[in-house]
Amino acid sequence: MSGARQRPAGRARNWSWNRIDDGLARALVASNHPAGGDLVLDLGAGDGVITRRLATTGATVLAFELHPARARLLRERFADDPVKVIRADVGDLRLPRRPFRVVANPPFDGVSAILARLTHPASRLEQADIVLPRSVAVAWSDRLHRRRAAWRLAVASNLPRSGFTPRPRIDLVHAVITRR
């Protein structure tokens, strides 16, 4: 469903990220209700805070992380868990062909491309619990509603800036994507 995304010439990769605290990660995973047999994607796994919570559910976890050192550490950390670490840019994400769930704090650079893939008509997404900038969540909720898409994006809660390191300069929300 996706081709390789081209970065503009001369544009450096932005390795910055906002680490989510364990309490917020726990709430995201609990909202998603993953269980044994489920396939769950963690997009932008970082240091594995969400991945660790997902691994305890019995679900099969695909943890996507582009940063080479973080991906290596994730592989070491989750070597004995049902977690597969994939070193890839989530902007180039190819979705599974089987039903899947998403629990993620993705990189905000290119998050619209991620949302476009997740809400594509052929997507087998069951539910996504995802951290988004408030402005992006509102825009995508309106967009999906206006297009009468098969998907619904709703803001489940506002997230405190103190729940991230470093603290973001923008308002973040826990958004939930489901089929209508």
N, C-alpha and C. Protein backbone atom coordinates (compact mmCIF):
# COMPACT_ATOMS: atom_id res chain seq x y z
N MET A 1 0.80 -1.19 0.00
CA MET A 1 0.00 0.00 0.00
C MET A 1 0.84 1.26 0.00
N SER A 2 2.12 1.14 0.20
CA SER A 2 2.92 2.34 0.25
C SER A 2 4.17 2.18 -0.57
N GLY A 3 4.62 3.27 -1.09
CA GLY A 3 5.92 3.27 -1.76
C GLY A 3 6.92 3.91 -0.83
N ALA A 4 8.16 3.90 -1.22
CA ALA A 4 9.19 4.52 -0.40
C ALA A 4 8.99 6.03 -0.39
N ARG A 5 9.05 6.61 0.76
CA ARG A 5 8.89 8.05 0.91
C ARG A 5 10.23 8.70 0.67
N GLN A 6 10.25 9.68 -0.17
CA GLN A 6 11.48 10.39 -0.47
C GLN A 6 11.63 11.59 0.47
N ARG A 7 12.78 11.73 1.07
CA ARG A 7 13.07 12.91 1.89
C ARG A 7 13.62 13.98 0.97
N PRO A 8 13.21 15.23 1.18
CA PRO A 8 13.77 16.31 0.36
C PRO A 8 15.29 16.33 0.46
N ALA A 9 15.95 16.65 -0.64
CA ALA A 9 17.41 16.70 -0.67
C ALA A 9 17.92 17.64 0.40
N GLY A 10 18.95 17.22 1.10
CA GLY A 10 19.56 18.08 2.11
C GLY A 10 18.85 18.07 3.45
N ARG A 11 17.73 17.37 3.55
CA ARG A 11 17.00 17.36 4.82
C ARG A 11 17.56 16.27 5.71
N ALA A 12 18.01 16.66 6.87
CA ALA A 12 18.59 15.71 7.82
C ALA A 12 17.48 14.96 8.55
N ARG A 13 17.79 13.74 8.98
CA ARG A 13 16.85 12.99 9.80
C ARG A 13 16.74 13.67 11.15
N ASN A 14 15.53 13.71 11.66
CA ASN A 14 15.29 14.26 12.98
C ASN A 14 15.20 13.10 13.96
N TRP A 15 16.25 12.91 14.75
CA TRP A 15 16.28 11.79 15.69
C TRP A 15 15.59 12.14 17.00
N SER A 16 15.09 13.34 17.13
CA SER A 16 14.48 13.72 18.40
C SER A 16 13.19 12.93 18.63
N TRP A 17 12.87 12.74 19.88
CA TRP A 17 11.64 12.06 20.24
C TRP A 17 11.28 12.46 21.65
N ASN A 18 10.05 12.22 22.02
CA ASN A 18 9.57 12.52 23.35
C ASN A 18 9.20 11.20 24.01
N ARG A 19 10.06 10.75 24.92
CA ARG A 19 9.84 9.48 25.63
C ARG A 19 8.58 9.58 26.47
N ILE A 20 7.69 8.60 26.33
CA ILE A 20 6.45 8.55 27.09
C ILE A 20 6.72 7.87 28.43
N ASP A 21 6.09 8.35 29.49
CA ASP A 21 6.33 7.71 30.78
C ASP A 21 5.51 6.42 30.90
N ASP A 22 5.89 5.59 31.85
CA ASP A 22 5.30 4.27 31.99
C ASP A 22 3.80 4.32 32.29
N GLY A 23 3.37 5.28 33.07
CA GLY A 23 1.94 5.38 33.40
C GLY A 23 1.08 5.65 32.17
N LEU A 24 1.53 6.54 31.30
CA LEU A 24 0.79 6.83 30.07
C LEU A 24 0.85 5.62 29.13
N ALA A 25 2.00 4.96 29.06
CA ALA A 25 2.12 3.75 28.22
C ALA A 25 1.14 2.69 28.69
N ARG A 26 1.06 2.49 29.99
CA ARG A 26 0.14 1.50 30.56
C ARG A 26 -1.31 1.82 30.18
N ALA A 27 -1.68 3.10 30.25
CA ALA A 27 -3.04 3.50 29.91
C ALA A 27 -3.35 3.28 28.42
N LEU A 28 -2.39 3.56 27.55
CA LEU A 28 -2.59 3.33 26.12
C LEU A 28 -2.82 1.85 25.83
N VAL A 29 -1.99 1.01 26.41
CA VAL A 29 -2.11 -0.44 26.19
C VAL A 29 -3.43 -0.95 26.76
N ALA A 30 -3.81 -0.51 27.95
CA ALA A 30 -5.07 -0.95 28.56
C ALA A 30 -6.26 -0.54 27.71
N SER A 31 -6.22 0.62 27.11
CA SER A 31 -7.32 1.09 26.26
C SER A 31 -7.47 0.24 25.01
N ASN A 32 -6.38 -0.32 24.52
CA ASN A 32 -6.37 -1.09 23.27
C ASN A 32 -6.83 -2.53 23.47
N HIS A 33 -6.70 -3.08 24.66
CA HIS A 33 -7.11 -4.45 25.00
C HIS A 33 -6.45 -5.53 24.14
N PRO A 34 -5.12 -5.47 23.90
CA PRO A 34 -4.50 -6.55 23.14
C PRO A 34 -4.46 -7.84 23.96
N ALA A 35 -4.51 -8.95 23.25
CA ALA A 35 -4.51 -10.25 23.92
C ALA A 35 -3.71 -11.25 23.09
N GLY A 36 -3.52 -12.44 23.64
CA GLY A 36 -2.82 -13.50 22.93
C GLY A 36 -3.44 -13.72 21.56
N GLY A 37 -2.60 -13.89 20.57
CA GLY A 37 -3.08 -14.08 19.21
C GLY A 37 -3.18 -12.80 18.41
N ASP A 38 -3.23 -11.65 19.08
CA ASP A 38 -3.29 -10.36 18.38
C ASP A 38 -1.92 -10.00 17.84
N LEU A 39 -1.92 -9.28 16.75
CA LEU A 39 -0.71 -8.67 16.20
C LEU A 39 -0.80 -7.19 16.50
N VAL A 40 0.22 -6.65 17.20
CA VAL A 40 0.20 -5.24 17.60
C VAL A 40 1.46 -4.55 17.12
N LEU A 41 1.29 -3.38 16.51
CA LEU A 41 2.41 -2.59 16.03
C LEU A 41 2.69 -1.44 16.99
N ASP A 42 3.95 -1.28 17.36
CA ASP A 42 4.42 -0.13 18.14
C ASP A 42 5.26 0.69 17.16
N LEU A 43 4.72 1.81 16.72
CA LEU A 43 5.35 2.63 15.69
C LEU A 43 6.20 3.72 16.33
N GLY A 44 7.51 3.61 16.20
CA GLY A 44 8.41 4.54 16.86
C GLY A 44 8.65 4.08 18.29
N ALA A 45 9.15 2.87 18.44
CA ALA A 45 9.24 2.22 19.75
C ALA A 45 10.20 2.89 20.72
N GLY A 46 11.13 3.70 20.23
CA GLY A 46 12.03 4.41 21.14
C GLY A 46 12.82 3.48 22.02
N ASP A 47 12.66 3.62 23.34
CA ASP A 47 13.39 2.74 24.25
C ASP A 47 12.52 1.61 24.78
N GLY A 48 11.33 1.43 24.21
CA GLY A 48 10.53 0.25 24.50
C GLY A 48 9.55 0.35 25.65
N VAL A 49 9.19 1.55 26.08
CA VAL A 49 8.25 1.67 27.21
C VAL A 49 6.90 1.05 26.84
N ILE A 50 6.36 1.37 25.67
CA ILE A 50 5.10 0.78 25.23
C ILE A 50 5.31 -0.69 24.87
N THR A 51 6.41 -0.99 24.18
CA THR A 51 6.71 -2.36 23.78
C THR A 51 6.72 -3.29 24.99
N ARG A 52 7.33 -2.85 26.07
CA ARG A 52 7.40 -3.68 27.29
C ARG A 52 6.00 -4.00 27.81
N ARG A 53 5.14 -3.00 27.82
CA ARG A 53 3.76 -3.22 28.28
C ARG A 53 3.02 -4.17 27.34
N LEU A 54 3.24 -4.02 26.03
CA LEU A 54 2.58 -4.89 25.06
C LEU A 54 3.06 -6.34 25.19
N ALA A 55 4.34 -6.52 25.45
CA ALA A 55 4.91 -7.87 25.54
C ALA A 55 4.27 -8.69 26.66
N THR A 56 3.74 -8.04 27.69
CA THR A 56 3.12 -8.76 28.81
C THR A 56 1.71 -9.23 28.50
N THR A 57 1.14 -8.81 27.36
CA THR A 57 -0.26 -9.15 27.04
C THR A 57 -0.40 -10.49 26.33
N GLY A 58 0.71 -11.05 25.86
CA GLY A 58 0.64 -12.28 25.09
C GLY A 58 0.49 -12.04 23.60
N ALA A 59 0.33 -10.79 23.19
CA ALA A 59 0.22 -10.45 21.77
C ALA A 59 1.58 -10.57 21.10
N THR A 60 1.58 -10.74 19.79
CA THR A 60 2.80 -10.67 19.00
C THR A 60 3.03 -9.20 18.68
N VAL A 61 4.21 -8.69 18.98
CA VAL A 61 4.49 -7.27 18.85
C VAL A 61 5.53 -7.03 17.76
N LEU A 62 5.23 -6.11 16.86
CA LEU A 62 6.20 -5.61 15.89
C LEU A 62 6.57 -4.20 16.34
N ALA A 63 7.81 -4.02 16.77
CA ALA A 63 8.29 -2.73 17.27
C ALA A 63 9.14 -2.08 16.18
N PHE A 64 8.66 -0.97 15.64
CA PHE A 64 9.37 -0.25 14.59
C PHE A 64 10.19 0.87 15.20
N GLU A 65 11.48 0.89 14.89
CA GLU A 65 12.38 1.94 15.39
C GLU A 65 13.44 2.20 14.33
N LEU A 66 13.59 3.44 13.93
CA LEU A 66 14.56 3.80 12.90
C LEU A 66 15.96 4.01 13.45
N HIS A 67 16.08 4.59 14.62
CA HIS A 67 17.39 4.92 15.18
C HIS A 67 18.18 3.63 15.40
N PRO A 68 19.37 3.49 14.80
CA PRO A 68 20.10 2.22 14.86
C PRO A 68 20.45 1.76 16.27
N ALA A 69 20.90 2.66 17.12
CA ALA A 69 21.28 2.25 18.48
C ALA A 69 20.06 1.83 19.29
N ARG A 70 18.95 2.56 19.14
CA ARG A 70 17.74 2.19 19.87
C ARG A 70 17.21 0.84 19.38
N ALA A 71 17.24 0.62 18.07
CA ALA A 71 16.77 -0.66 17.52
C ALA A 71 17.61 -1.81 18.06
N ARG A 72 18.92 -1.63 18.13
CA ARG A 72 19.81 -2.67 18.65
C ARG A 72 19.48 -2.96 20.13
N LEU A 73 19.31 -1.91 20.91
CA LEU A 73 18.98 -2.11 22.33
C LEU A 73 17.64 -2.79 22.51
N LEU A 74 16.67 -2.45 21.66
CA LEU A 74 15.36 -3.10 21.73
C LEU A 74 15.49 -4.60 21.43
N ARG A 75 16.28 -4.93 20.42
CA ARG A 75 16.47 -6.35 20.08
C ARG A 75 17.07 -7.11 21.26
N GLU A 76 18.04 -6.50 21.93
CA GLU A 76 18.66 -7.14 23.09
C GLU A 76 17.66 -7.26 24.24
N ARG A 77 16.93 -6.19 24.50
CA ARG A 77 16.01 -6.15 25.63
C ARG A 77 14.87 -7.15 25.49
N PHE A 78 14.38 -7.34 24.25
CA PHE A 78 13.22 -8.19 24.04
C PHE A 78 13.55 -9.50 23.33
N ALA A 79 14.78 -9.96 23.46
CA ALA A 79 15.21 -11.19 22.78
C ALA A 79 14.39 -12.40 23.20
N ASP A 80 13.90 -12.43 24.42
CA ASP A 80 13.15 -13.59 24.92
C ASP A 80 11.64 -13.38 24.92
N ASP A 81 11.16 -12.30 24.31
CA ASP A 81 9.74 -11.97 24.30
C ASP A 81 9.17 -12.14 22.89
N PRO A 82 7.83 -12.18 22.78
CA PRO A 82 7.22 -12.29 21.45
C PRO A 82 7.23 -10.92 20.73
N VAL A 83 8.43 -10.37 20.59
CA VAL A 83 8.62 -9.05 19.99
C VAL A 83 9.60 -9.16 18.84
N LYS A 84 9.23 -8.61 17.70
CA LYS A 84 10.14 -8.51 16.57
C LYS A 84 10.44 -7.03 16.36
N VAL A 85 11.71 -6.68 16.45
CA VAL A 85 12.13 -5.29 16.26
C VAL A 85 12.48 -5.11 14.78
N ILE A 86 11.89 -4.09 14.19
CA ILE A 86 12.11 -3.80 12.77
C ILE A 86 12.72 -2.41 12.67
N ARG A 87 13.93 -2.35 12.15
CA ARG A 87 14.59 -1.06 11.97
C ARG A 87 14.09 -0.48 10.65
N ALA A 88 13.16 0.46 10.75
CA ALA A 88 12.54 1.04 9.57
C ALA A 88 11.92 2.38 9.90
N ASP A 89 11.80 3.20 8.90
CA ASP A 89 11.11 4.49 9.01
C ASP A 89 9.62 4.22 8.96
N VAL A 90 8.87 4.62 9.97
CA VAL A 90 7.43 4.36 9.96
C VAL A 90 6.73 5.10 8.82
N GLY A 91 7.40 6.09 8.25
CA GLY A 91 6.85 6.74 7.07
C GLY A 91 6.82 5.82 5.87
N ASP A 92 7.60 4.75 5.89
CA ASP A 92 7.63 3.77 4.80
C ASP A 92 6.85 2.50 5.16
N LEU A 93 6.03 2.59 6.18
CA LEU A 93 5.32 1.44 6.73
C LEU A 93 4.47 0.72 5.69
N ARG A 94 4.65 -0.58 5.65
CA ARG A 94 3.75 -1.46 4.89
C ARG A 94 2.92 -2.21 5.93
N LEU A 95 1.63 -2.11 5.79
CA LEU A 95 0.75 -2.69 6.79
C LEU A 95 0.62 -4.20 6.64
N PRO A 96 0.40 -4.89 7.76
CA PRO A 96 0.18 -6.34 7.69
C PRO A 96 -1.09 -6.65 6.88
N ARG A 97 -1.11 -7.82 6.30
CA ARG A 97 -2.28 -8.24 5.52
C ARG A 97 -3.31 -8.93 6.40
N ARG A 98 -2.97 -9.18 7.65
CA ARG A 98 -3.91 -9.78 8.59
C ARG A 98 -4.38 -8.69 9.56
N PRO A 99 -5.47 -8.92 10.28
CA PRO A 99 -5.93 -7.92 11.25
C PRO A 99 -4.83 -7.60 12.26
N PHE A 100 -4.74 -6.31 12.62
CA PHE A 100 -3.71 -5.86 13.55
C PHE A 100 -4.23 -4.69 14.37
N ARG A 101 -3.50 -4.41 15.44
CA ARG A 101 -3.80 -3.29 16.32
C ARG A 101 -2.55 -2.41 16.36
N VAL A 102 -2.70 -1.18 16.82
CA VAL A 102 -1.57 -0.27 16.97
C VAL A 102 -1.65 0.39 18.34
N VAL A 103 -0.55 0.40 19.05
CA VAL A 103 -0.39 1.19 20.26
C VAL A 103 0.94 1.90 20.08
N ALA A 104 0.92 3.24 20.02
CA ALA A 104 2.16 3.91 19.63
C ALA A 104 2.22 5.37 20.06
N ASN A 105 3.46 5.80 20.22
CA ASN A 105 3.84 7.19 20.39
C ASN A 105 4.78 7.47 19.21
N PRO A 106 4.19 7.67 18.00
CA PRO A 106 5.02 7.74 16.80
C PRO A 106 5.77 9.06 16.69
N PRO A 107 6.77 9.09 15.82
CA PRO A 107 7.42 10.38 15.54
C PRO A 107 6.40 11.29 14.87
N PHE A 108 6.40 12.55 15.25
CA PHE A 108 5.38 13.46 14.71
C PHE A 108 5.72 13.95 13.32
N ASP A 109 6.99 13.82 12.93
CA ASP A 109 7.39 14.15 11.58
C ASP A 109 6.82 13.08 10.64
N GLY A 110 5.87 13.45 9.82
CA GLY A 110 5.28 12.49 8.90
C GLY A 110 4.12 11.70 9.46
N VAL A 111 3.55 12.13 10.58
CA VAL A 111 2.46 11.36 11.20
C VAL A 111 1.23 11.31 10.30
N SER A 112 1.03 12.29 9.45
CA SER A 112 -0.13 12.24 8.54
C SER A 112 0.00 11.08 7.55
N ALA A 113 1.21 10.77 7.12
CA ALA A 113 1.41 9.63 6.23
C ALA A 113 1.05 8.33 6.95
N ILE A 114 1.39 8.24 8.22
CA ILE A 114 1.05 7.06 9.02
C ILE A 114 -0.47 6.94 9.13
N LEU A 115 -1.14 8.05 9.44
CA LEU A 115 -2.60 8.03 9.58
C LEU A 115 -3.28 7.67 8.26
N ALA A 116 -2.73 8.16 7.15
CA ALA A 116 -3.30 7.84 5.84
C ALA A 116 -3.23 6.33 5.59
N ARG A 117 -2.13 5.71 5.95
CA ARG A 117 -1.99 4.26 5.75
C ARG A 117 -2.94 3.49 6.68
N LEU A 118 -2.97 3.90 7.94
CA LEU A 118 -3.82 3.19 8.89
C LEU A 118 -5.30 3.26 8.52
N THR A 119 -5.74 4.37 7.92
CA THR A 119 -7.16 4.56 7.59
C THR A 119 -7.45 4.32 6.11
N HIS A 120 -6.52 3.72 5.40
CA HIS A 120 -6.73 3.36 4.00
C HIS A 120 -7.86 2.32 3.93
N PRO A 121 -8.69 2.36 2.89
CA PRO A 121 -9.79 1.39 2.80
C PRO A 121 -9.36 -0.07 2.90
N ALA A 122 -8.16 -0.41 2.44
CA ALA A 122 -7.70 -1.80 2.48
C ALA A 122 -7.04 -2.19 3.81
N SER A 123 -6.89 -1.24 4.71
CA SER A 123 -6.23 -1.50 5.99
C SER A 123 -7.02 -2.53 6.80
N ARG A 124 -6.31 -3.42 7.46
CA ARG A 124 -6.93 -4.42 8.32
C ARG A 124 -6.85 -4.01 9.80
N LEU A 125 -6.63 -2.72 10.04
CA LEU A 125 -6.55 -2.19 11.40
C LEU A 125 -7.84 -2.48 12.16
N GLU A 126 -7.69 -2.95 13.39
CA GLU A 126 -8.84 -3.17 14.26
C GLU A 126 -9.03 -1.99 15.20
N GLN A 127 -7.93 -1.51 15.78
CA GLN A 127 -7.99 -0.34 16.67
C GLN A 127 -6.59 0.20 16.82
N ALA A 128 -6.50 1.53 16.88
CA ALA A 128 -5.22 2.18 17.16
C ALA A 128 -5.40 3.11 18.35
N ASP A 129 -4.52 3.01 19.31
CA ASP A 129 -4.42 3.95 20.43
C ASP A 129 -3.07 4.61 20.23
N ILE A 130 -3.10 5.91 19.92
CA ILE A 130 -1.92 6.57 19.41
C ILE A 130 -1.79 7.98 19.98
N VAL A 131 -0.56 8.37 20.28
CA VAL A 131 -0.28 9.73 20.76
C VAL A 131 -0.15 10.63 19.53
N LEU A 132 -0.91 11.71 19.53
CA LEU A 132 -0.88 12.66 18.41
C LEU A 132 -0.87 14.09 18.92
N PRO A 133 -0.29 15.00 18.14
CA PRO A 133 -0.48 16.41 18.45
C PRO A 133 -1.98 16.72 18.35
N ARG A 134 -2.49 17.51 19.27
CA ARG A 134 -3.93 17.84 19.28
C ARG A 134 -4.39 18.34 17.92
N SER A 135 -3.61 19.23 17.30
CA SER A 135 -4.03 19.82 16.02
C SER A 135 -4.17 18.75 14.93
N VAL A 136 -3.30 17.76 14.93
CA VAL A 136 -3.37 16.68 13.95
C VAL A 136 -4.60 15.81 14.21
N ALA A 137 -4.85 15.49 15.47
CA ALA A 137 -6.01 14.66 15.81
C ALA A 137 -7.31 15.34 15.39
N VAL A 138 -7.43 16.63 15.67
CA VAL A 138 -8.65 17.37 15.31
C VAL A 138 -8.82 17.40 13.79
N ALA A 139 -7.74 17.70 13.08
CA ALA A 139 -7.80 17.78 11.62
C ALA A 139 -8.19 16.43 11.01
N TRP A 140 -7.59 15.34 11.49
CA TRP A 140 -7.89 14.02 10.94
C TRP A 140 -9.29 13.55 11.33
N SER A 141 -9.74 13.89 12.50
CA SER A 141 -11.11 13.54 12.89
C SER A 141 -12.10 14.22 11.94
N ASP A 142 -11.89 15.50 11.69
CA ASP A 142 -12.75 16.25 10.76
C ASP A 142 -12.66 15.68 9.35
N ARG A 143 -11.46 15.39 8.92
CA ARG A 143 -11.23 14.86 7.57
C ARG A 143 -11.97 13.55 7.36
N LEU A 144 -11.82 12.63 8.30
CA LEU A 144 -12.49 11.33 8.17
C LEU A 144 -14.01 11.48 8.21
N HIS A 145 -14.50 12.39 9.04
CA HIS A 145 -15.94 12.62 9.15
C HIS A 145 -16.49 13.21 7.84
N ARG A 146 -15.80 14.23 7.30
CA ARG A 146 -16.25 14.89 6.06
C ARG A 146 -16.27 13.91 4.89
N ARG A 147 -15.29 13.02 4.86
CA ARG A 147 -15.20 12.05 3.75
C ARG A 147 -16.11 10.84 3.96
N ARG A 148 -16.77 10.82 5.10
CA ARG A 148 -17.61 9.67 5.45
C ARG A 148 -16.83 8.37 5.30
N ALA A 149 -15.60 8.45 5.77
CA ALA A 149 -14.69 7.30 5.69
C ALA A 149 -15.17 6.17 6.57
N ALA A 150 -14.63 5.01 6.35
CA ALA A 150 -14.97 3.83 7.16
C ALA A 150 -14.35 3.91 8.55
N TRP A 151 -13.55 4.95 8.79
CA TRP A 151 -12.81 5.08 10.03
C TRP A 151 -13.29 6.26 10.85
N ARG A 152 -13.09 6.16 12.14
CA ARG A 152 -13.41 7.24 13.07
C ARG A 152 -12.18 7.48 13.92
N LEU A 153 -11.79 8.74 14.09
CA LEU A 153 -10.70 9.11 14.99
C LEU A 153 -11.31 10.00 16.06
N ALA A 154 -11.16 9.58 17.31
CA ALA A 154 -11.70 10.33 18.44
C ALA A 154 -10.60 10.60 19.45
N VAL A 155 -10.67 11.75 20.09
CA VAL A 155 -9.74 12.07 21.16
C VAL A 155 -10.26 11.43 22.44
N ALA A 156 -9.48 10.51 22.99
CA ALA A 156 -9.87 9.83 24.22
C ALA A 156 -9.52 10.67 25.44
N SER A 157 -8.35 11.36 25.38
CA SER A 157 -7.96 12.20 26.52
C SER A 157 -6.82 13.12 26.13
N ASN A 158 -6.71 14.19 26.88
CA ASN A 158 -5.55 15.07 26.76
C ASN A 158 -4.42 14.43 27.56
N LEU A 159 -3.21 14.56 27.08
CA LEU A 159 -2.07 13.99 27.78
C LEU A 159 -1.22 15.10 28.39
N PRO A 160 -0.80 14.93 29.63
CA PRO A 160 0.00 15.97 30.27
C PRO A 160 1.40 16.05 29.64
N ARG A 161 1.87 17.25 29.43
CA ARG A 161 3.22 17.42 28.90
C ARG A 161 4.26 16.81 29.82
N SER A 162 3.93 16.78 31.12
CA SER A 162 4.86 16.21 32.09
C SER A 162 5.03 14.69 31.93
N GLY A 163 4.19 14.07 31.10
CA GLY A 163 4.28 12.64 30.87
C GLY A 163 5.27 12.27 29.78
N PHE A 164 6.04 13.25 29.31
CA PHE A 164 7.00 13.03 28.23
C PHE A 164 8.33 13.68 28.57
N THR A 165 9.41 13.06 28.12
CA THR A 165 10.75 13.62 28.30
C THR A 165 11.44 13.65 26.95
N PRO A 166 11.91 14.80 26.50
CA PRO A 166 11.67 16.12 27.07
C PRO A 166 10.21 16.53 26.89
N ARG A 167 9.79 17.49 27.68
CA ARG A 167 8.41 17.97 27.59
C ARG A 167 8.17 18.59 26.22
N PRO A 168 7.10 18.15 25.55
CA PRO A 168 6.80 18.73 24.24
C PRO A 168 6.32 20.17 24.37
N ARG A 169 6.48 20.92 23.30
CA ARG A 169 6.02 22.32 23.28
C ARG A 169 4.59 22.43 22.77
N ILE A 170 4.03 21.31 22.35
CA ILE A 170 2.68 21.30 21.80
C ILE A 170 1.78 20.42 22.65
N ASP A 171 0.47 20.60 22.50
CA ASP A 171 -0.50 19.78 23.23
C ASP A 171 -0.63 18.42 22.55
N LEU A 172 -0.59 17.36 23.36
CA LEU A 172 -0.70 16.00 22.85
C LEU A 172 -1.97 15.35 23.39
N VAL A 173 -2.49 14.40 22.59
CA VAL A 173 -3.69 13.68 23.00
C VAL A 173 -3.52 12.19 22.76
N HIS A 174 -4.32 11.42 23.46
CA HIS A 174 -4.48 9.99 23.19
C HIS A 174 -5.66 9.91 22.24
N ALA A 175 -5.38 9.53 20.98
CA ALA A 175 -6.42 9.39 19.97
C ALA A 175 -6.68 7.91 19.75
N VAL A 176 -7.94 7.59 19.45
CA VAL A 176 -8.34 6.21 19.18
C VAL A 176 -8.95 6.17 17.78
N ILE A 177 -8.43 5.26 16.97
CA ILE A 177 -8.96 5.06 15.62
C ILE A 177 -9.67 3.72 15.59
N THR A 178 -10.92 3.72 15.15
CA THR A 178 -11.73 2.51 15.02
C THR A 178 -12.52 2.57 13.73
N ARG A 179 -13.02 1.41 13.32
CA ARG A 179 -13.95 1.38 12.17
C ARG A 179 -15.31 1.88 12.63
N ARG A 180 -16.00 2.52 11.71
CA ARG A 180 -17.37 2.99 12.02
C ARG A 180 -18.30 1.80 12.04
